[in-house]
Amino acid sequence: MRIAAIDIGTNSMKLLVADARSGRLAPVIDRLLVTRLGEGMGAGGRLREEAIERNIDALRRFAEEARGAGAERIAVAGTEALRVAGNAAAFRERAARDAGLNVEIVGGGEEARLSWIGALSGFAPLEGTVLLFDTGGGSTEFIFGRNGEMESRTSLPLGSRVLAEEFLRSDPPAAGERERLDARLGGELARLDGGAARVIGAGGTVTTLAAVRLGLEPYDPARVGGSVLARGEVERQIDLYASLPLAERRAIPGLHPDRADVIPAGAAVVRAVLRRFGAGEILVADRGLRHGLLIDRFLRDS
């Protein structure tokens, strides 16, 4: 069976088309578009009309691509921007009318659960305590587990786009802005209980940091997934992004030009997680919510 998942994030939209073989996923198409659904909406605001149009167009194109590739079923999940937007219902109506898709708006806990399922599907069974964090454009999910079993999950409104728009308004980000962002991150992460012997990072920020470390052009998921990102490398990249204006950040090898505006905030989240849990490195997961969505919705009973 060929199946598809679309992950509608606050900053990007992802399409995964895969074949289900003996309960496992064999990816056929795995693509991303930076669609900035949550651009300019602010906390508890409304999606802007231009952002809706941009994302409905991307959703329509992804649906056509998935169906053209032979996908028999398509699951669609919306995350933080659609969770908080006052006009999310209007977006869902447009998606049903224009793309023929039912957009499921998943809660923060459910997003964390699906991210756990998806991310761990890319690794051999893990022993011991694990923290998986998945940084998106609107939120970061934190999942603690032991021996492959999830034990607790928390979603915090610490996304790269919302933090960039709230704190990092200078180009390049000013020292005072970065300090205020770090203070906010430290306060939010202090609310988390638990510890872990191993920290795994997922989501666009983490995979981008790994791609920049490797200088990947084009992006290669086989090299990113399972790679290790040291704390010193995260610090190096934060200093690099703070020293360059947006136009120059867009030229950094491995950094998608459309992520250049939010990567300073996203990298700050990663560093804050490393500091909070005293970790010297993170294991990078290239898989995430879209994989978990397919596994959970279509493969559980296959």
C-alpha atoms as a PDB file:
ATOM      1  CA  MET A   1       0.000   0.000   0.000  1.00  0.00           C
ATOM      2  CA  ARG A   2       1.281   3.479  -0.877  1.00  0.00           C
ATOM      3  CA  ILE A   3       0.325   6.114   1.700  1.00  0.00           C
ATOM      4  CA  ALA A   4       1.101   9.787   2.367  1.00  0.00           C
ATOM      5  CA  ALA A   5       1.326  12.242   5.244  1.00  0.00           C
ATOM      6  CA  ILE A   6       1.372  16.030   5.209  1.00  0.00           C
ATOM      7  CA  ASP A   7       2.645  17.919   8.254  1.00  0.00           C
ATOM      8  CA  ILE A   8       1.424  21.542   8.320  1.00  0.00           C
ATOM      9  CA  GLY A   9       3.799  23.357  10.637  1.00  0.00           C
ATOM     10  CA  THR A  10       4.055  26.969  11.721  1.00  0.00           C
ATOM     11  CA  ASN A  11       7.064  27.590   9.485  1.00  0.00           C
ATOM     12  CA  SER A  12       7.094  24.730   6.974  1.00  0.00           C
ATOM     13  CA  MET A  13       4.963  22.066   5.345  1.00  0.00           C
ATOM     14  CA  LYS A  14       6.288  18.541   4.786  1.00  0.00           C
ATOM     15  CA  LEU A  15       5.125  15.771   2.476  1.00  0.00           C
ATOM     16  CA  LEU A  16       6.021  12.114   2.928  1.00  0.00           C
ATOM     17  CA  VAL A  17       4.871   9.465   0.449  1.00  0.00           C
ATOM     18  CA  ALA A  18       5.883   5.936   1.393  1.00  0.00           C
ATOM     19  CA  ASP A  19       5.202   2.306   0.690  1.00  0.00           C
ATOM     20  CA  ALA A  20       4.047   0.185   3.619  1.00  0.00           C
ATOM     21  CA  ARG A  21       5.997  -3.050   3.562  1.00  0.00           C
ATOM     22  CA  SER A  22       5.640  -5.597   6.352  1.00  0.00           C
ATOM     23  CA  GLY A  23       4.722  -2.888   8.837  1.00  0.00           C
ATOM     24  CA  ARG A  24       7.619  -0.633   7.835  1.00  0.00           C
ATOM     25  CA  LEU A  25       7.881   2.539   5.786  1.00  0.00           C
ATOM     26  CA  ALA A  26       9.853   2.744   2.552  1.00  0.00           C
ATOM     27  CA  PRO A  27       9.920   6.479   1.660  1.00  0.00           C
ATOM     28  CA  VAL A  28       9.254   7.375  -1.981  1.00  0.00           C
ATOM     29  CA  ILE A  29       8.919  11.175  -1.709  1.00  0.00           C
ATOM     30  CA  ASP A  30      10.049  13.294   1.238  1.00  0.00           C
ATOM     31  CA  ARG A  31       9.839  17.025   0.586  1.00  0.00           C
ATOM     32  CA  LEU A  32       9.584  20.295   2.458  1.00  0.00           C
ATOM     33  CA  LEU A  33       8.346  23.760   1.590  1.00  0.00           C
ATOM     34  CA  VAL A  34       8.903  26.768   3.847  1.00  0.00           C
ATOM     35  CA  THR A  35       5.365  28.154   3.827  1.00  0.00           C
ATOM     36  CA  ARG A  36       5.361  30.353   7.004  1.00  0.00           C
ATOM     37  CA  LEU A  37       1.768  29.704   8.046  1.00  0.00           C
ATOM     38  CA  GLY A  38       2.268  31.455  11.382  1.00  0.00           C
ATOM     39  CA  GLU A  39       4.073  34.495   9.989  1.00  0.00           C
ATOM     40  CA  GLY A  40       3.016  37.644  11.826  1.00  0.00           C
ATOM     41  CA  MET A  41       0.075  36.085  13.670  1.00  0.00           C
ATOM     42  CA  GLY A  42       1.417  36.579  17.206  1.00  0.00           C
ATOM     43  CA  ALA A  43       0.290  34.638  20.259  1.00  0.00           C
ATOM     44  CA  GLY A  44      -3.379  33.704  20.057  1.00  0.00           C
ATOM     45  CA  GLY A  45      -3.863  35.709  16.855  1.00  0.00           C
ATOM     46  CA  ARG A  46      -5.299  34.953  13.461  1.00  0.00           C
ATOM     47  CA  LEU A  47      -3.706  33.507  10.363  1.00  0.00           C
ATOM     48  CA  ARG A  48      -3.043  36.211   7.793  1.00  0.00           C
ATOM     49  CA  GLU A  49      -4.919  35.900   4.520  1.00  0.00           C
ATOM     50  CA  GLU A  50      -1.702  35.808   2.479  1.00  0.00           C
ATOM     51  CA  ALA A  51      -0.350  33.015   4.712  1.00  0.00           C
ATOM     52  CA  ILE A  52      -3.569  31.041   4.244  1.00  0.00           C
ATOM     53  CA  GLU A  53      -3.423  31.429   0.461  1.00  0.00           C
ATOM     54  CA  ARG A  54       0.250  30.419   0.387  1.00  0.00           C
ATOM     55  CA  ASN A  55      -0.363  27.313   2.472  1.00  0.00           C
ATOM     56  CA  ILE A  56      -3.554  26.222   0.735  1.00  0.00           C
ATOM     57  CA  ASP A  57      -1.673  26.441  -2.571  1.00  0.00           C
ATOM     58  CA  ALA A  58       1.159  24.310  -1.153  1.00  0.00           C
ATOM     59  CA  LEU A  59      -1.334  21.854   0.315  1.00  0.00           C
ATOM     60  CA  ARG A  60      -3.083  21.528  -3.039  1.00  0.00           C
ATOM     61  CA  ARG A  61       0.212  20.876  -4.814  1.00  0.00           C
ATOM     62  CA  PHE A  62       1.286  18.310  -2.224  1.00  0.00           C
ATOM     63  CA  ALA A  63      -2.062  16.531  -2.515  1.00  0.00           C
ATOM     64  CA  GLU A  64      -1.750  16.392  -6.302  1.00  0.00           C
ATOM     65  CA  GLU A  65       1.809  15.090  -6.027  1.00  0.00           C
ATOM     66  CA  ALA A  66       0.837  12.398  -3.529  1.00  0.00           C
ATOM     67  CA  ARG A  67      -2.132  11.251  -5.575  1.00  0.00           C
ATOM     68  CA  GLY A  68      -0.099  11.378  -8.761  1.00  0.00           C
ATOM     69  CA  ALA A  69       2.471   9.108  -7.106  1.00  0.00           C
ATOM     70  CA  GLY A  70      -0.240   6.584  -6.322  1.00  0.00           C
ATOM     71  CA  ALA A  71      -0.967   7.299  -2.652  1.00  0.00           C
ATOM     72  CA  GLU A  72      -4.191   5.544  -1.694  1.00  0.00           C
ATOM     73  CA  ARG A  73      -4.650   7.379   1.610  1.00  0.00           C
ATOM     74  CA  ILE A  74      -3.408  10.746   2.870  1.00  0.00           C
ATOM     75  CA  ALA A  75      -3.225  11.823   6.516  1.00  0.00           C
ATOM     76  CA  VAL A  76      -2.837  15.535   7.268  1.00  0.00           C
ATOM     77  CA  ALA A  77      -1.856  17.032  10.626  1.00  0.00           C
ATOM     78  CA  GLY A  78      -1.783  20.694  11.650  1.00  0.00           C
ATOM     79  CA  THR A  79       0.258  21.776  14.659  1.00  0.00           C
ATOM     80  CA  GLU A  80       0.852  24.894  16.775  1.00  0.00           C
ATOM     81  CA  ALA A  81      -0.229  27.652  14.370  1.00  0.00           C
ATOM     82  CA  LEU A  82      -3.536  25.916  13.710  1.00  0.00           C
ATOM     83  CA  ARG A  83      -3.951  25.027  17.398  1.00  0.00           C
ATOM     84  CA  VAL A  84      -3.950  28.678  18.455  1.00  0.00           C
ATOM     85  CA  ALA A  85      -5.313  30.518  15.411  1.00  0.00           C
ATOM     86  CA  GLY A  86      -8.760  32.016  15.822  1.00  0.00           C
ATOM     87  CA  ASN A  87      -9.559  31.300  12.177  1.00  0.00           C
ATOM     88  CA  ALA A  88      -8.254  27.722  12.021  1.00  0.00           C
ATOM     89  CA  ALA A  89     -11.726  26.444  11.112  1.00  0.00           C
ATOM     90  CA  ALA A  90     -11.722  28.605   7.979  1.00  0.00           C
ATOM     91  CA  PHE A  91      -8.361  27.116   6.987  1.00  0.00           C
ATOM     92  CA  ARG A  92      -9.719  23.574   7.418  1.00  0.00           C
ATOM     93  CA  GLU A  93     -12.740  24.424   5.279  1.00  0.00           C
ATOM     94  CA  ARG A  94     -10.490  25.770   2.522  1.00  0.00           C
ATOM     95  CA  ALA A  95      -8.294  22.654   2.689  1.00  0.00           C
ATOM     96  CA  ALA A  96     -11.327  20.387   2.311  1.00  0.00           C
ATOM     97  CA  ARG A  97     -12.782  22.428  -0.543  1.00  0.00           C
ATOM     98  CA  ASP A  98      -9.626  23.233  -2.528  1.00  0.00           C
ATOM     99  CA  ALA A  99      -7.425  20.191  -1.845  1.00  0.00           C
ATOM    100  CA  GLY A 100      -9.944  17.535  -0.861  1.00  0.00           C
ATOM    101  CA  LEU A 101      -8.133  16.953   2.425  1.00  0.00           C
ATOM    102  CA  ASN A 102      -9.261  16.645   6.036  1.00  0.00           C
ATOM    103  CA  VAL A 103      -6.790  18.526   8.226  1.00  0.00           C
ATOM    104  CA  GLU A 104      -6.568  17.040  11.716  1.00  0.00           C
ATOM    105  CA  ILE A 105      -5.397  19.635  14.230  1.00  0.00           C
ATOM    106  CA  VAL A 106      -3.391  17.628  16.754  1.00  0.00           C
ATOM    107  CA  GLY A 107      -2.881  18.725  20.339  1.00  0.00           C
ATOM    108  CA  GLY A 108       0.573  19.307  21.775  1.00  0.00           C
ATOM    109  CA  GLY A 109       0.617  15.988  23.585  1.00  0.00           C
ATOM    110  CA  GLU A 110      -0.469  14.117  20.476  1.00  0.00           C
ATOM    111  CA  GLU A 111       2.164  15.920  18.408  1.00  0.00           C
ATOM    112  CA  ALA A 112       4.783  14.817  20.924  1.00  0.00           C
ATOM    113  CA  ARG A 113       3.560  11.212  20.787  1.00  0.00           C
ATOM    114  CA  LEU A 114       3.630  11.098  16.982  1.00  0.00           C
ATOM    115  CA  SER A 115       7.072  12.707  16.910  1.00  0.00           C
ATOM    116  CA  TRP A 116       8.341  10.019  19.304  1.00  0.00           C
ATOM    117  CA  ILE A 117       6.947   7.220  17.136  1.00  0.00           C
ATOM    118  CA  GLY A 118       8.360   8.743  13.960  1.00  0.00           C
ATOM    119  CA  ALA A 119      11.795   9.718  15.234  1.00  0.00           C
ATOM    120  CA  LEU A 120      12.524   6.394  16.917  1.00  0.00           C
ATOM    121  CA  SER A 121      11.458   4.476  13.805  1.00  0.00           C
ATOM    122  CA  GLY A 122      14.740   5.586  12.247  1.00  0.00           C
ATOM    123  CA  PHE A 123      16.942   3.942  14.887  1.00  0.00           C
ATOM    124  CA  ALA A 124      17.673   0.495  16.214  1.00  0.00           C
ATOM    125  CA  PRO A 125      15.978  -0.148  19.587  1.00  0.00           C
ATOM    126  CA  LEU A 126      17.365   2.275  22.187  1.00  0.00           C
ATOM    127  CA  GLU A 127      18.157   1.218  25.723  1.00  0.00           C
ATOM    128  CA  GLY A 128      18.188   3.421  28.814  1.00  0.00           C
ATOM    129  CA  THR A 129      16.645   6.839  29.373  1.00  0.00           C
ATOM    130  CA  VAL A 130      16.054   9.109  26.394  1.00  0.00           C
ATOM    131  CA  LEU A 131      14.876  12.673  25.884  1.00  0.00           C
ATOM    132  CA  LEU A 132      13.554  13.442  22.426  1.00  0.00           C
ATOM    133  CA  PHE A 133      12.902  17.097  21.642  1.00  0.00           C
ATOM    134  CA  ASP A 134      11.352  18.256  18.385  1.00  0.00           C
ATOM    135  CA  THR A 135      11.648  21.969  17.593  1.00  0.00           C
ATOM    136  CA  GLY A 136       9.208  23.354  15.070  1.00  0.00           C
ATOM    137  CA  GLY A 137       8.191  26.836  14.047  1.00  0.00           C
ATOM    138  CA  GLY A 138       5.565  27.283  16.756  1.00  0.00           C
ATOM    139  CA  SER A 139       6.434  24.887  19.568  1.00  0.00           C
ATOM    140  CA  THR A 140       8.920  22.358  20.887  1.00  0.00           C
ATOM    141  CA  GLU A 141       7.814  18.934  22.049  1.00  0.00           C
ATOM    142  CA  PHE A 142       9.699  17.154  24.850  1.00  0.00           C
ATOM    143  CA  ILE A 143       9.278  13.408  25.279  1.00  0.00           C
ATOM    144  CA  PHE A 144      10.973  11.355  27.977  1.00  0.00           C
ATOM    145  CA  GLY A 145      11.227   7.605  27.594  1.00  0.00           C
ATOM    146  CA  ARG A 146      12.999   4.493  28.757  1.00  0.00           C
ATOM    147  CA  ASN A 147      14.007   1.464  26.670  1.00  0.00           C
ATOM    148  CA  GLY A 148      11.973   2.674  23.719  1.00  0.00           C
ATOM    149  CA  GLU A 149       8.772   3.297  25.693  1.00  0.00           C
ATOM    150  CA  MET A 150       7.453   6.829  26.124  1.00  0.00           C
ATOM    151  CA  GLU A 151       6.933   7.857  29.744  1.00  0.00           C
ATOM    152  CA  SER A 152       5.947  11.544  29.642  1.00  0.00           C
ATOM    153  CA  ARG A 153       5.479  14.331  27.122  1.00  0.00           C
ATOM    154  CA  THR A 154       5.241  18.106  27.226  1.00  0.00           C
ATOM    155  CA  SER A 155       4.699  20.758  24.570  1.00  0.00           C
ATOM    156  CA  LEU A 156       6.062  24.269  25.138  1.00  0.00           C
ATOM    157  CA  PRO A 157       5.439  27.336  22.899  1.00  0.00           C
ATOM    158  CA  LEU A 158       9.120  27.593  21.988  1.00  0.00           C
ATOM    159  CA  GLY A 159       9.155  27.543  18.191  1.00  0.00           C
ATOM    160  CA  SER A 160      11.783  29.072  15.944  1.00  0.00           C
ATOM    161  CA  ARG A 161       9.385  31.380  14.075  1.00  0.00           C
ATOM    162  CA  VAL A 162       7.404  32.677  17.025  1.00  0.00           C
ATOM    163  CA  LEU A 163      10.581  33.299  19.043  1.00  0.00           C
ATOM    164  CA  ALA A 164      12.333  34.991  16.125  1.00  0.00           C
ATOM    165  CA  GLU A 165       9.398  37.340  15.600  1.00  0.00           C
ATOM    166  CA  GLU A 166       9.062  38.116  19.299  1.00  0.00           C
ATOM    167  CA  PHE A 167      12.717  38.566  20.253  1.00  0.00           C
ATOM    168  CA  LEU A 168      15.119  38.821  17.296  1.00  0.00           C
ATOM    169  CA  ARG A 169      13.991  41.896  15.385  1.00  0.00           C
ATOM    170  CA  SER A 170      17.397  43.350  14.495  1.00  0.00           C
ATOM    171  CA  ASP A 171      19.490  42.200  11.540  1.00  0.00           C
ATOM    172  CA  PRO A 172      21.712  40.583  12.634  1.00  0.00           C
ATOM    173  CA  PRO A 173      20.179  39.880  16.070  1.00  0.00           C
ATOM    174  CA  ALA A 174      21.415  42.313  18.716  1.00  0.00           C
ATOM    175  CA  ALA A 175      23.180  41.077  21.845  1.00  0.00           C
ATOM    176  CA  GLY A 176      20.408  42.347  24.119  1.00  0.00           C
ATOM    177  CA  GLU A 177      17.753  40.592  22.061  1.00  0.00           C
ATOM    178  CA  ARG A 178      19.638  37.304  22.233  1.00  0.00           C
ATOM    179  CA  GLU A 179      20.089  37.667  25.990  1.00  0.00           C
ATOM    180  CA  ARG A 180      16.357  38.228  26.506  1.00  0.00           C
ATOM    181  CA  LEU A 181      15.611  35.179  24.356  1.00  0.00           C
ATOM    182  CA  ASP A 182      18.034  33.047  26.371  1.00  0.00           C
ATOM    183  CA  ALA A 183      16.393  34.219  29.608  1.00  0.00           C
ATOM    184  CA  ARG A 184      12.966  33.247  28.292  1.00  0.00           C
ATOM    185  CA  LEU A 185      14.217  29.822  27.223  1.00  0.00           C
ATOM    186  CA  GLY A 186      15.889  29.190  30.555  1.00  0.00           C
ATOM    187  CA  GLY A 187      12.708  30.037  32.432  1.00  0.00           C
ATOM    188  CA  GLU A 188      10.501  27.860  30.253  1.00  0.00           C
ATOM    189  CA  LEU A 189      12.827  24.845  30.332  1.00  0.00           C
ATOM    190  CA  ALA A 190      13.134  25.033  34.110  1.00  0.00           C
ATOM    191  CA  ARG A 191       9.533  23.789  34.180  1.00  0.00           C
ATOM    192  CA  LEU A 192      10.588  20.406  32.764  1.00  0.00           C
ATOM    193  CA  ASP A 193      11.158  17.522  35.145  1.00  0.00           C
ATOM    194  CA  GLY A 194      13.276  14.494  34.382  1.00  0.00           C
ATOM    195  CA  GLY A 195      16.633  13.627  32.944  1.00  0.00           C
ATOM    196  CA  ALA A 196      18.071  11.364  30.305  1.00  0.00           C
ATOM    197  CA  ALA A 197      21.268   9.555  29.470  1.00  0.00           C
ATOM    198  CA  ARG A 198      20.793  10.328  25.771  1.00  0.00           C
ATOM    199  CA  VAL A 199      19.296  13.377  24.059  1.00  0.00           C
ATOM    200  CA  ILE A 200      17.831  13.078  20.560  1.00  0.00           C
ATOM    201  CA  GLY A 201      16.914  16.120  18.500  1.00  0.00           C
ATOM    202  CA  ALA A 202      14.344  16.207  15.701  1.00  0.00           C
ATOM    203  CA  GLY A 203      12.707  18.858  13.537  1.00  0.00           C
ATOM    204  CA  GLY A 204      13.892  21.379  10.987  1.00  0.00           C
ATOM    205  CA  THR A 205      16.169  23.342  13.294  1.00  0.00           C
ATOM    206  CA  VAL A 206      18.181  20.311  14.398  1.00  0.00           C
ATOM    207  CA  THR A 207      18.471  18.817  10.910  1.00  0.00           C
ATOM    208  CA  THR A 208      19.504  22.225   9.568  1.00  0.00           C
ATOM    209  CA  LEU A 209      22.272  22.539  12.166  1.00  0.00           C
ATOM    210  CA  ALA A 210      23.475  19.071  11.171  1.00  0.00           C
ATOM    211  CA  ALA A 211      23.351  19.945   7.464  1.00  0.00           C
ATOM    212  CA  VAL A 212      25.365  23.125   8.060  1.00  0.00           C
ATOM    213  CA  ARG A 213      27.939  21.163  10.052  1.00  0.00           C
ATOM    214  CA  LEU A 214      28.279  18.765   7.128  1.00  0.00           C
ATOM    215  CA  GLY A 215      28.076  21.483   4.463  1.00  0.00           C
ATOM    216  CA  LEU A 216      25.387  19.537   2.611  1.00  0.00           C
ATOM    217  CA  GLU A 217      24.224  20.813  -0.753  1.00  0.00           C
ATOM    218  CA  PRO A 218      21.818  19.276  -1.487  1.00  0.00           C
ATOM    219  CA  TYR A 219      20.382  17.973   1.760  1.00  0.00           C
ATOM    220  CA  ASP A 220      21.026  14.267   2.326  1.00  0.00           C
ATOM    221  CA  PRO A 221      18.772  12.580   4.931  1.00  0.00           C
ATOM    222  CA  ALA A 222      20.989   9.488   4.966  1.00  0.00           C
ATOM    223  CA  ARG A 223      23.913  11.564   6.264  1.00  0.00           C
ATOM    224  CA  VAL A 224      21.871  13.708   8.643  1.00  0.00           C
ATOM    225  CA  GLY A 225      19.887  10.968  10.384  1.00  0.00           C
ATOM    226  CA  GLY A 226      22.019   9.295  13.047  1.00  0.00           C
ATOM    227  CA  SER A 227      24.703  11.980  12.972  1.00  0.00           C
ATOM    228  CA  VAL A 228      25.911  13.651  16.162  1.00  0.00           C
ATOM    229  CA  LEU A 229      25.748  17.367  16.886  1.00  0.00           C
ATOM    230  CA  ALA A 230      28.173  18.485  19.592  1.00  0.00           C
ATOM    231  CA  ARG A 231      27.404  21.368  21.931  1.00  0.00           C
ATOM    232  CA  GLY A 232      30.504  23.208  20.735  1.00  0.00           C
ATOM    233  CA  GLU A 233      29.226  23.055  17.151  1.00  0.00           C
ATOM    234  CA  VAL A 234      25.870  24.490  18.205  1.00  0.00           C
ATOM    235  CA  GLU A 235      27.713  27.340  19.957  1.00  0.00           C
ATOM    236  CA  ARG A 236      29.828  27.930  16.842  1.00  0.00           C
ATOM    237  CA  GLN A 237      26.778  28.193  14.627  1.00  0.00           C
ATOM    238  CA  ILE A 238      24.984  30.525  17.036  1.00  0.00           C
ATOM    239  CA  ASP A 239      27.991  32.870  16.943  1.00  0.00           C
ATOM    240  CA  LEU A 240      28.056  32.611  13.142  1.00  0.00           C
ATOM    241  CA  TYR A 241      24.385  33.511  12.745  1.00  0.00           C
ATOM    242  CA  ALA A 242      24.734  36.399  15.191  1.00  0.00           C
ATOM    243  CA  SER A 243      27.583  37.859  13.130  1.00  0.00           C
ATOM    244  CA  LEU A 244      25.843  37.850   9.739  1.00  0.00           C
ATOM    245  CA  PRO A 245      22.847  39.750   8.351  1.00  0.00           C
ATOM    246  CA  LEU A 246      20.004  37.770   6.811  1.00  0.00           C
ATOM    247  CA  ALA A 247      21.242  38.160   3.240  1.00  0.00           C
ATOM    248  CA  GLU A 248      24.591  36.589   4.136  1.00  0.00           C
ATOM    249  CA  ARG A 249      23.069  33.835   6.266  1.00  0.00           C
ATOM    250  CA  ARG A 250      21.112  32.714   3.212  1.00  0.00           C
ATOM    251  CA  ALA A 251      24.379  31.848   1.483  1.00  0.00           C
ATOM    252  CA  ILE A 252      25.664  29.487   4.207  1.00  0.00           C
ATOM    253  CA  PRO A 253      26.160  25.965   2.769  1.00  0.00           C
ATOM    254  CA  GLY A 254      23.631  23.531   4.225  1.00  0.00           C
ATOM    255  CA  LEU A 255      21.222  26.256   5.360  1.00  0.00           C
ATOM    256  CA  HIS A 256      18.037  26.446   3.308  1.00  0.00           C
ATOM    257  CA  PRO A 257      17.701  30.142   2.374  1.00  0.00           C
ATOM    258  CA  ASP A 258      14.078  30.214   3.565  1.00  0.00           C
ATOM    259  CA  ARG A 259      15.146  29.080   7.046  1.00  0.00           C
ATOM    260  CA  ALA A 260      17.792  31.768   7.427  1.00  0.00           C
ATOM    261  CA  ASP A 261      15.417  34.165   9.190  1.00  0.00           C
ATOM    262  CA  VAL A 262      14.479  31.743  11.979  1.00  0.00           C
ATOM    263  CA  ILE A 263      17.649  29.678  12.461  1.00  0.00           C
ATOM    264  CA  PRO A 264      19.192  32.027  15.104  1.00  0.00           C
ATOM    265  CA  ALA A 265      16.152  31.501  17.343  1.00  0.00           C
ATOM    266  CA  GLY A 266      15.965  27.785  16.620  1.00  0.00           C
ATOM    267  CA  ALA A 267      19.641  27.285  17.417  1.00  0.00           C
ATOM    268  CA  ALA A 268      19.139  29.127  20.711  1.00  0.00           C
ATOM    269  CA  VAL A 269      16.438  26.580  21.632  1.00  0.00           C
ATOM    270  CA  VAL A 270      18.823  23.703  20.922  1.00  0.00           C
ATOM    271  CA  ARG A 271      21.572  25.254  23.051  1.00  0.00           C
ATOM    272  CA  ALA A 272      19.117  25.882  25.894  1.00  0.00           C
ATOM    273  CA  VAL A 273      18.072  22.215  25.853  1.00  0.00           C
ATOM    274  CA  LEU A 274      21.708  21.085  25.971  1.00  0.00           C
ATOM    275  CA  ARG A 275      22.368  23.418  28.905  1.00  0.00           C
ATOM    276  CA  ARG A 276      19.231  22.439  30.799  1.00  0.00           C
ATOM    277  CA  PHE A 277      20.032  18.731  30.671  1.00  0.00           C
ATOM    278  CA  GLY A 278      23.811  18.985  30.887  1.00  0.00           C
ATOM    279  CA  ALA A 279      24.297  17.222  27.562  1.00  0.00           C
ATOM    280  CA  GLY A 280      27.467  17.503  25.518  1.00  0.00           C
ATOM    281  CA  GLU A 281      25.859  16.344  22.266  1.00  0.00           C
ATOM    282  CA  ILE A 282      22.632  15.285  20.629  1.00  0.00           C
ATOM    283  CA  LEU A 283      21.820  12.427  18.306  1.00  0.00           C
ATOM    284  CA  VAL A 284      20.080  13.781  15.193  1.00  0.00           C
ATOM    285  CA  ALA A 285      16.800  12.253  13.989  1.00  0.00           C
ATOM    286  CA  ASP A 286      15.785  12.950  10.403  1.00  0.00           C
ATOM    287  CA  ARG A 287      12.390  11.305  10.884  1.00  0.00           C
ATOM    288  CA  GLY A 288       9.576  12.967  12.787  1.00  0.00           C
ATOM    289  CA  LEU A 289       5.873  13.677  13.013  1.00  0.00           C
ATOM    290  CA  ARG A 290       5.069  12.826   9.380  1.00  0.00           C
ATOM    291  CA  HIS A 291       6.562   9.344   9.823  1.00  0.00           C
ATOM    292  CA  GLY A 292       4.750   8.875  13.121  1.00  0.00           C
ATOM    293  CA  LEU A 293       1.491   9.943  11.502  1.00  0.00           C
ATOM    294  CA  LEU A 294       1.789   7.258   8.830  1.00  0.00           C
ATOM    295  CA  ILE A 295       2.818   4.551  11.282  1.00  0.00           C
ATOM    296  CA  ASP A 296       0.101   5.380  13.799  1.00  0.00           C
ATOM    297  CA  ARG A 297      -2.786   5.993  11.410  1.00  0.00           C
ATOM    298  CA  PHE A 298      -2.107   3.319   8.785  1.00  0.00           C
ATOM    299  CA  LEU A 299       0.321   0.660  10.022  1.00  0.00           C
ATOM    300  CA  ARG A 300      -0.793  -0.144  13.577  1.00  0.00           C
ATOM    301  CA  ASP A 301      -3.283  -2.762  12.449  1.00  0.00           C
ATOM    302  CA  SER A 302      -1.527  -3.880   9.258  1.00  0.00           C
END
